[in-house]
């Protein structure tokens, strides 16, 4: 089972590196979308906590 996880991790790493090398613009867009999602989630949690305190 551990070997399967290691192989899966290596496959994901190779895929990510391949994607970055062959299409850096697309990879940058995906990273930006991810960070925007995290930022929106954090903003939503902050608003919820503010409303909870008030």
Protein backbone atom coordinates (compact mmCIF):
# COMPACT_ATOMS: atom_id res chain seq x y z
CA UNK A 1 0.00 0.00 0.00
CA UNK A 2 2.85 2.40 0.82
CA UNK A 3 4.48 1.66 -2.53
CA UNK A 4 1.23 2.55 -4.31
CA UNK A 5 1.09 5.91 -2.52
CA UNK A 6 4.73 6.64 -3.44
CA UNK A 7 4.12 5.76 -7.08
CA UNK A 8 0.97 7.91 -7.13
CA UNK A 9 2.87 10.84 -5.62
CA UNK A 10 5.65 10.49 -8.20
CA UNK A 11 3.10 10.39 -11.03
CA UNK A 12 1.44 13.57 -9.74
CA UNK A 13 4.80 15.34 -9.40
CA UNK A 14 5.85 14.34 -12.92
CA UNK A 15 2.48 15.48 -14.30
CA UNK A 16 2.75 18.87 -12.56
CA UNK A 17 6.30 19.40 -13.81
CA UNK A 18 5.30 18.36 -17.34
CA UNK A 19 2.37 20.78 -17.28
CA UNK A 20 4.55 23.65 -16.06
CA UNK A 21 7.24 22.99 -18.66
CA UNK A 22 4.93 22.53 -21.64
CA UNK A 23 2.39 25.22 -20.80
CA UNK A 24 3.65 27.77 -18.28
CA UNK A 25 0.89 30.29 -19.08
CA UNK A 26 -1.85 27.76 -18.36
CA UNK A 27 -0.06 26.62 -15.17
CA UNK A 28 0.17 30.23 -13.98
CA UNK A 29 -3.55 30.71 -14.65
CA UNK A 30 -4.38 27.62 -12.59
CA UNK A 31 -2.22 28.79 -9.69
CA UNK A 32 -3.87 32.22 -9.80
CA UNK A 33 -7.33 30.66 -9.74
CA UNK A 34 -6.31 28.52 -6.76
CA UNK A 35 -5.01 31.48 -4.79
CA UNK A 36 -8.10 33.53 -5.61
CA UNK A 37 -10.25 30.68 -4.29
CA UNK A 38 -8.27 30.49 -1.07
CA UNK A 39 -8.46 34.27 -0.69
CA UNK A 40 -12.23 34.26 -1.20
CA UNK A 41 -12.65 31.47 1.34
CA UNK A 42 -10.55 33.32 3.92
CA UNK A 43 -12.52 36.51 3.28
CA UNK A 44 -15.78 34.63 3.78
CA UNK A 45 -14.58 33.12 7.05
CA UNK A 46 -13.49 36.56 8.22
CA UNK A 47 -16.88 38.06 7.44
CA UNK A 48 -18.63 35.17 9.19
CA UNK A 49 -16.52 35.63 12.33
CA UNK A 50 -17.16 39.38 12.28
CA UNK A 51 -20.90 38.84 12.06
CA UNK A 52 -20.71 36.20 14.77
CA UNK A 53 -18.96 38.61 17.15
CA UNK A 54 -21.42 41.42 16.41
